[in-house]
Each structure stands twice: as C-alpha cells, then as structure tokens.
Amino acid sequence: MDQVLIALRFYAVACMQLAIAYLFDVIQPTVCRVVHRVSEAIASLLPDFIHLPVNREECKTVSRKSFNIAGFPKVIGALDGTFVRIVSPGGEDAERFRCRKNYFALNVQTIVDADLVIRKVVARWPGSAHDSTVFNNSSACLSLKTNELYKDCHLLGDTGYACKKYLLIPFRNPRSLAEARLKPCFSDNSSESDIESSIGEDTPNKPAKMQEKKIRFAPLPLPASTRATRGGRQFVYQCVISV
C-alpha cells in the first residue's frame, strides 16, 4: 500500500522525489524504484481497460449512445489525433518529433465513445506524422477492416483522414440538404473536442501553470512487430513517471 501511495503522491504533485521521500520516511532511490514499479504495473493493465467493443451487444450499446447524441447510426467511436508536448529527445531524429505547431510532441491518436471512454490509444508516432498515417498503421484500423464484428460499424473523423466504409468524415462541400444535415454530427459533437476533453487537453478549469507541462520521452527501440501493441502501453508508462 505504501508503494501505491508514494506513486500516487508523485503523480499528483510531480514534485522532487526527495520531498516525497521525506514525507514517507524513505530514501530518494526508493521513491524512484517504486514509481517505476507502480507505473509499469498500471501500464500493463492497458489491454484490459482500453479496447474496442468486444461483442455485438457492446457494439449495439455503444452505437445507441452515439445515435442519441447526433442521430448517426452504427457509430462506435470518434477518432482524432492530438499533440502531447515532450522535451526534445535529442539525437539525429529529434526533429521528427517537431509538430506543425513548432514544438516537440507525440502525435497521439485516440478513439473515444459517446461517454468519452477511451477505446484505443496509439502513442508511438512523432509529432511530424500525419493523422492518417497513424490510423492506417494502427491495430484499430486492421480490426475494422478484417473483423466481422465491426463490418457494419463506423468511426467518425475529421477531414485529415480518408473516407472509408469504416471511417466517415464530413462533406467538404455539401451539395444537398441531406449532406448538409450530417454536418452537426462532425462539428457540434466533434471528435477533436471530445478527444481533447477525454485526455485533459481542453479542460476549461485547468490551472494556467499546467499548460507548460512536458513529458520527458525517450523513444524505445522496439521491434516493428511489437510497436503496434506496445505503443499505447509505452505512452502510459512514460506519462505517469515523467512530468
């Protein structure tokens, strides 16, 4: 229990580990080890809690909630990418992490449902990567294309993505009343605002000093075959130990 409390204290205040050590009457290296140990344990639970609907009944429940919001049937989630600031990782590839807003970041793709529950997260791409590239190389994209469970289901995205059977985007230039009626499904309940709210990037009452928080991120040299499945887990681990 003490280990969990030490880690929670560090997550909450992100202060010097020495101060936390003094509070719990331990030494600083102990705090360092405990934070890493607890963070790894939390990150290992990611597949148990962050996943697309696993059966038809859950698909129906999730899509029904989305329909009640915008009247759009068969939608199981909203998709978008958001930049999460990081300290420059240095090295020859550092500039790959510089995003179009001219700061170092990860392009984190998130899928959320109507309740703003995170259904998928991909956090292995540098800030220079395009949203469509992140999605096309994700396990969620593969599941939507090949899994019979999702053959009639859709995600909603913005115009940064290509329109597919399983990923619908707004009409750029509506030419009929029917096309124009779809616009509120993508704007008033936009994937971008929903996703930024779900991960705390767009919280109205966030203290101003929190805006400058950055993650210390060290890219891990993972084999290509494991990056898709471990990317989100790596991101969770990095987020909870480095602020």
Protein backbone atom coordinates (compact mmCIF):
# COMPACT_ATOMS: atom_id res chain seq x y z
CA MET A 1 0.00 0.00 0.00
CA ASP A 2 2.85 2.41 0.79
CA GLN A 3 4.24 1.91 -2.70
CA VAL A 4 0.92 2.85 -4.28
CA LEU A 5 0.64 5.93 -2.05
CA ILE A 6 4.17 7.04 -2.95
CA ALA A 7 3.40 6.70 -6.65
CA LEU A 8 0.05 8.48 -6.36
CA ARG A 9 1.71 11.34 -4.50
CA PHE A 10 4.28 11.68 -7.26
CA TYR A 11 1.61 11.61 -9.99
CA ALA A 12 -0.47 14.21 -8.16
CA VAL A 13 2.15 16.86 -7.43
CA ALA A 14 5.11 15.93 -9.70
CA CYS A 15 7.48 17.40 -7.14
CA MET A 16 11.07 16.43 -6.34
CA GLN A 17 11.40 12.80 -5.35
CA LEU A 18 13.47 13.88 -2.36
CA ALA A 19 10.46 15.73 -0.93
CA ILE A 20 8.28 12.64 -1.31
CA ALA A 21 10.99 10.52 0.31
CA TYR A 22 10.99 12.86 3.32
CA LEU A 23 7.19 12.65 3.55
CA PHE A 24 7.15 8.83 3.60
CA ASP A 25 10.37 8.41 5.60
CA VAL A 26 12.26 6.59 2.84
CA ILE A 27 15.27 7.45 0.72
CA GLN A 28 15.07 9.03 -2.73
CA PRO A 29 16.26 5.95 -4.69
CA THR A 30 13.40 4.02 -3.10
CA VAL A 31 10.91 6.56 -4.42
CA CYS A 32 12.44 6.28 -7.88
CA ARG A 33 12.17 2.48 -7.90
CA VAL A 34 8.64 2.50 -6.51
CA VAL A 35 7.36 5.00 -9.08
CA HIS A 36 8.78 2.93 -11.93
CA ARG A 37 7.42 -0.32 -10.46
CA VAL A 38 3.90 1.01 -9.92
CA SER A 39 3.90 2.75 -13.31
CA GLU A 40 4.80 -0.48 -15.07
CA ALA A 41 2.03 -2.30 -13.19
CA ILE A 42 -0.54 0.32 -14.22
CA ALA A 43 0.62 0.31 -17.85
CA SER A 44 0.40 -3.49 -18.02
CA LEU A 45 -3.37 -3.22 -17.38
CA LEU A 46 -3.95 -1.14 -20.52
CA PRO A 47 -5.28 -4.01 -22.70
CA ASP A 48 -7.83 -4.92 -20.02
CA PHE A 49 -9.44 -1.49 -19.97
CA ILE A 50 -8.71 0.20 -23.31
CA HIS A 51 -10.16 -1.71 -26.23
CA LEU A 52 -12.87 -1.57 -28.89
CA PRO A 53 -16.22 -3.24 -28.14
CA VAL A 54 -15.65 -6.97 -27.77
CA ASN A 55 -19.07 -8.36 -28.77
CA ARG A 56 -22.19 -7.42 -30.72
CA GLU A 57 -24.14 -6.46 -27.63
CA GLU A 58 -21.48 -3.97 -26.60
CA CYS A 59 -21.33 -2.60 -30.14
CA LYS A 60 -25.09 -2.03 -30.06
CA THR A 61 -24.91 -0.33 -26.67
CA VAL A 62 -22.07 1.99 -27.68
CA SER A 63 -23.62 2.86 -31.05
CA ARG A 64 -27.02 3.53 -29.46
CA LYS A 65 -25.48 6.13 -27.17
CA SER A 66 -23.80 7.80 -30.13
CA PHE A 67 -27.11 7.81 -32.02
CA ASN A 68 -28.84 9.52 -29.10
CA ILE A 69 -26.31 12.36 -29.30
CA ALA A 70 -26.26 13.13 -33.02
CA GLY A 71 -28.69 10.77 -34.73
CA PHE A 72 -25.88 9.00 -36.56
CA PRO A 73 -26.31 5.19 -36.60
CA LYS A 74 -23.70 2.46 -36.17
CA VAL A 75 -21.01 4.77 -34.74
CA ILE A 76 -18.78 3.13 -32.13
CA GLY A 77 -16.32 5.97 -31.64
CA ALA A 78 -14.80 9.29 -32.64
CA LEU A 79 -11.23 9.39 -33.87
CA ASP A 80 -8.64 12.13 -33.78
CA GLY A 81 -5.02 12.87 -33.05
CA THR A 82 -3.70 15.39 -30.57
CA PHE A 83 -0.22 16.68 -29.84
CA VAL A 84 1.23 15.87 -26.43
CA ARG A 85 4.21 18.07 -25.62
CA ILE A 86 7.51 16.40 -24.84
CA VAL A 87 11.01 17.59 -24.07
CA SER A 88 13.21 17.22 -27.13
CA PRO A 89 14.53 13.63 -27.11
CA GLY A 90 17.78 14.79 -28.74
CA GLY A 91 19.80 12.83 -31.24
CA GLU A 92 19.59 12.67 -35.01
CA ASP A 93 15.84 12.00 -35.06
CA ALA A 94 14.83 14.81 -32.70
CA GLU A 95 13.34 16.97 -35.46
CA ARG A 96 10.94 14.19 -36.40
CA PHE A 97 9.17 14.96 -33.14
CA ARG A 98 8.65 18.63 -34.02
CA CYS A 99 4.99 19.06 -34.95
CA ARG A 100 3.37 21.58 -37.30
CA LYS A 101 2.83 23.90 -34.32
CA ASN A 102 6.62 24.12 -33.98
CA TYR A 103 7.15 22.32 -30.70
CA PHE A 104 8.29 18.80 -29.83
CA ALA A 105 5.41 16.40 -29.38
CA LEU A 106 3.94 12.96 -29.87
CA ASN A 107 1.00 12.65 -32.23
CA VAL A 108 -1.31 10.61 -30.03
CA GLN A 109 -4.28 9.01 -31.76
CA THR A 110 -7.27 8.33 -29.55
CA ILE A 111 -10.66 6.76 -30.15
CA VAL A 112 -13.39 7.65 -27.66
CA ASP A 113 -17.02 6.58 -27.43
CA ALA A 114 -20.11 8.63 -26.62
CA ASP A 115 -19.30 8.52 -22.90
CA LEU A 116 -15.77 9.85 -23.58
CA VAL A 117 -14.37 6.46 -22.61
CA ILE A 118 -11.03 5.91 -24.34
CA ARG A 119 -11.36 2.86 -26.59
CA LYS A 120 -7.98 2.90 -28.29
CA VAL A 121 -4.77 4.89 -28.00
CA VAL A 122 -1.71 4.90 -30.24
CA ALA A 123 1.21 6.90 -28.92
CA ARG A 124 4.24 5.67 -30.84
CA TRP A 125 4.38 8.31 -33.58
CA PRO A 126 6.40 11.55 -33.60
CA GLY A 127 4.71 14.91 -33.95
CA SER A 128 5.59 15.16 -37.65
CA ALA A 129 3.49 12.08 -38.51
CA HIS A 130 0.17 12.75 -40.27
CA ASP A 131 -3.05 11.64 -38.57
CA SER A 132 -3.97 9.34 -41.46
CA THR A 133 -0.57 7.63 -41.28
CA VAL A 134 -1.06 6.92 -37.59
CA PHE A 135 -4.51 5.45 -38.16
CA ASN A 136 -3.64 3.39 -41.25
CA ASN A 137 -0.88 1.65 -39.28
CA SER A 138 -2.92 1.05 -36.14
CA SER A 139 -4.44 -2.16 -34.82
CA ALA A 140 -7.85 -0.44 -34.72
CA CYS A 141 -7.74 0.12 -38.48
CA LEU A 142 -6.85 -3.52 -39.04
CA SER A 143 -9.67 -4.69 -36.79
CA LEU A 144 -12.25 -2.51 -38.53
CA LYS A 145 -11.17 -3.81 -41.93
CA THR A 146 -10.94 -7.51 -41.13
CA ASN A 147 -13.06 -8.32 -38.06
CA GLU A 148 -16.63 -9.37 -38.91
CA LEU A 149 -17.79 -7.91 -35.61
CA TYR A 150 -17.25 -4.38 -36.95
CA LYS A 151 -18.42 -4.86 -40.56
CA ASP A 152 -21.41 -2.51 -40.08
CA CYS A 153 -19.72 -0.14 -37.62
CA HIS A 154 -18.12 3.24 -38.24
CA LEU A 155 -15.78 5.73 -36.68
CA LEU A 156 -16.21 9.47 -37.14
CA GLY A 157 -13.16 11.53 -38.02
CA ASP A 158 -12.25 14.90 -39.49
CA THR A 159 -11.03 15.80 -42.96
CA GLY A 160 -7.49 14.85 -42.03
CA TYR A 161 -8.46 11.26 -42.78
CA ALA A 162 -9.52 9.50 -45.97
CA CYS A 163 -13.17 8.49 -46.15
CA LYS A 164 -13.62 4.74 -45.81
CA LYS A 165 -16.53 2.41 -45.16
CA TYR A 166 -15.43 2.14 -41.54
CA LEU A 167 -14.25 5.77 -41.15
CA LEU A 168 -16.62 8.56 -42.11
CA ILE A 169 -15.59 12.19 -42.50
CA PRO A 170 -17.70 15.33 -43.14
CA PHE A 171 -18.51 16.50 -46.64
CA ARG A 172 -16.13 19.30 -47.55
CA ASN A 173 -18.73 20.99 -49.78
CA PRO A 174 -22.26 19.73 -49.09
CA ARG A 175 -24.33 19.72 -52.28
CA SER A 176 -27.69 18.69 -50.91
CA LEU A 177 -29.87 19.14 -47.86
CA ALA A 178 -29.20 15.53 -46.84
CA GLU A 179 -25.44 16.11 -46.93
CA ALA A 180 -25.77 19.39 -45.03
CA ARG A 181 -27.78 17.66 -42.28
CA LEU A 182 -24.76 15.48 -41.49
CA LYS A 183 -22.58 18.46 -40.57
CA PRO A 184 -23.65 18.70 -36.90
CA CYS A 185 -22.56 15.08 -36.40
CA PHE A 186 -18.98 16.19 -37.02
CA SER A 187 -19.00 19.73 -35.58
CA ASP A 188 -21.26 20.18 -32.56
CA ASN A 189 -20.09 16.80 -31.29
CA SER A 190 -16.71 16.87 -32.96
CA SER A 191 -14.17 14.14 -32.46
CA GLU A 192 -11.44 16.69 -31.77
CA SER A 193 -13.14 18.41 -28.85
CA ASP A 194 -14.34 15.10 -27.41
CA ILE A 195 -10.90 13.56 -27.55
CA GLU A 196 -9.05 16.58 -26.17
CA SER A 197 -11.57 16.68 -23.32
CA SER A 198 -11.12 12.98 -22.62
CA ILE A 199 -7.36 13.30 -22.12
CA GLY A 200 -7.47 16.66 -20.35
CA GLU A 201 -6.03 18.79 -23.15
CA ASP A 202 -9.09 21.04 -23.28
CA THR A 203 -10.11 21.34 -19.64
CA PRO A 204 -11.62 24.84 -19.03
CA ASN A 205 -10.62 24.95 -15.36
CA LYS A 206 -7.07 23.70 -15.83
CA PRO A 207 -4.59 25.91 -13.96
CA ALA A 208 -2.52 28.08 -16.27
CA LYS A 209 0.75 26.63 -14.97
CA MET A 210 -0.30 23.17 -16.18
CA GLN A 211 -0.19 24.35 -19.79
CA GLU A 212 3.61 24.22 -19.81
CA LYS A 213 3.93 20.66 -18.55
CA LYS A 214 6.03 18.46 -20.81
CA ILE A 215 6.74 14.74 -20.83
CA ARG A 216 10.30 13.50 -20.84
CA PHE A 217 10.04 10.90 -23.54
CA ALA A 218 12.80 8.53 -24.61
CA PRO A 219 11.78 6.55 -27.72
CA LEU A 220 12.29 2.84 -27.17
CA PRO A 221 13.90 0.77 -29.96
CA LEU A 222 11.07 -1.75 -30.19
CA PRO A 223 10.90 -4.34 -32.99
CA ALA A 224 8.42 -3.41 -35.71
CA SER A 225 6.23 -6.42 -34.90
CA THR A 226 5.62 -5.21 -31.33
CA ARG A 227 5.29 -1.47 -31.79
CA ALA A 228 1.59 -1.51 -32.60
CA THR A 229 0.65 -3.45 -29.50
CA ARG A 230 3.07 -1.83 -27.06
CA GLY A 231 2.85 1.77 -28.25
CA GLY A 232 -0.05 2.76 -26.04
CA ARG A 233 1.40 0.92 -23.06
CA GLN A 234 4.72 2.68 -23.51
CA PHE A 235 2.94 6.05 -23.62
CA VAL A 236 1.02 5.35 -20.41
CA TYR A 237 4.22 4.34 -18.70
CA GLN A 238 6.08 7.43 -19.88
CA CYS A 239 3.23 9.74 -18.87
CA VAL A 240 2.95 8.53 -15.32
CA ILE A 241 6.64 8.61 -14.48
CA SER A 242 7.80 11.82 -16.16
CA VAL A 243 6.13 15.20 -15.94
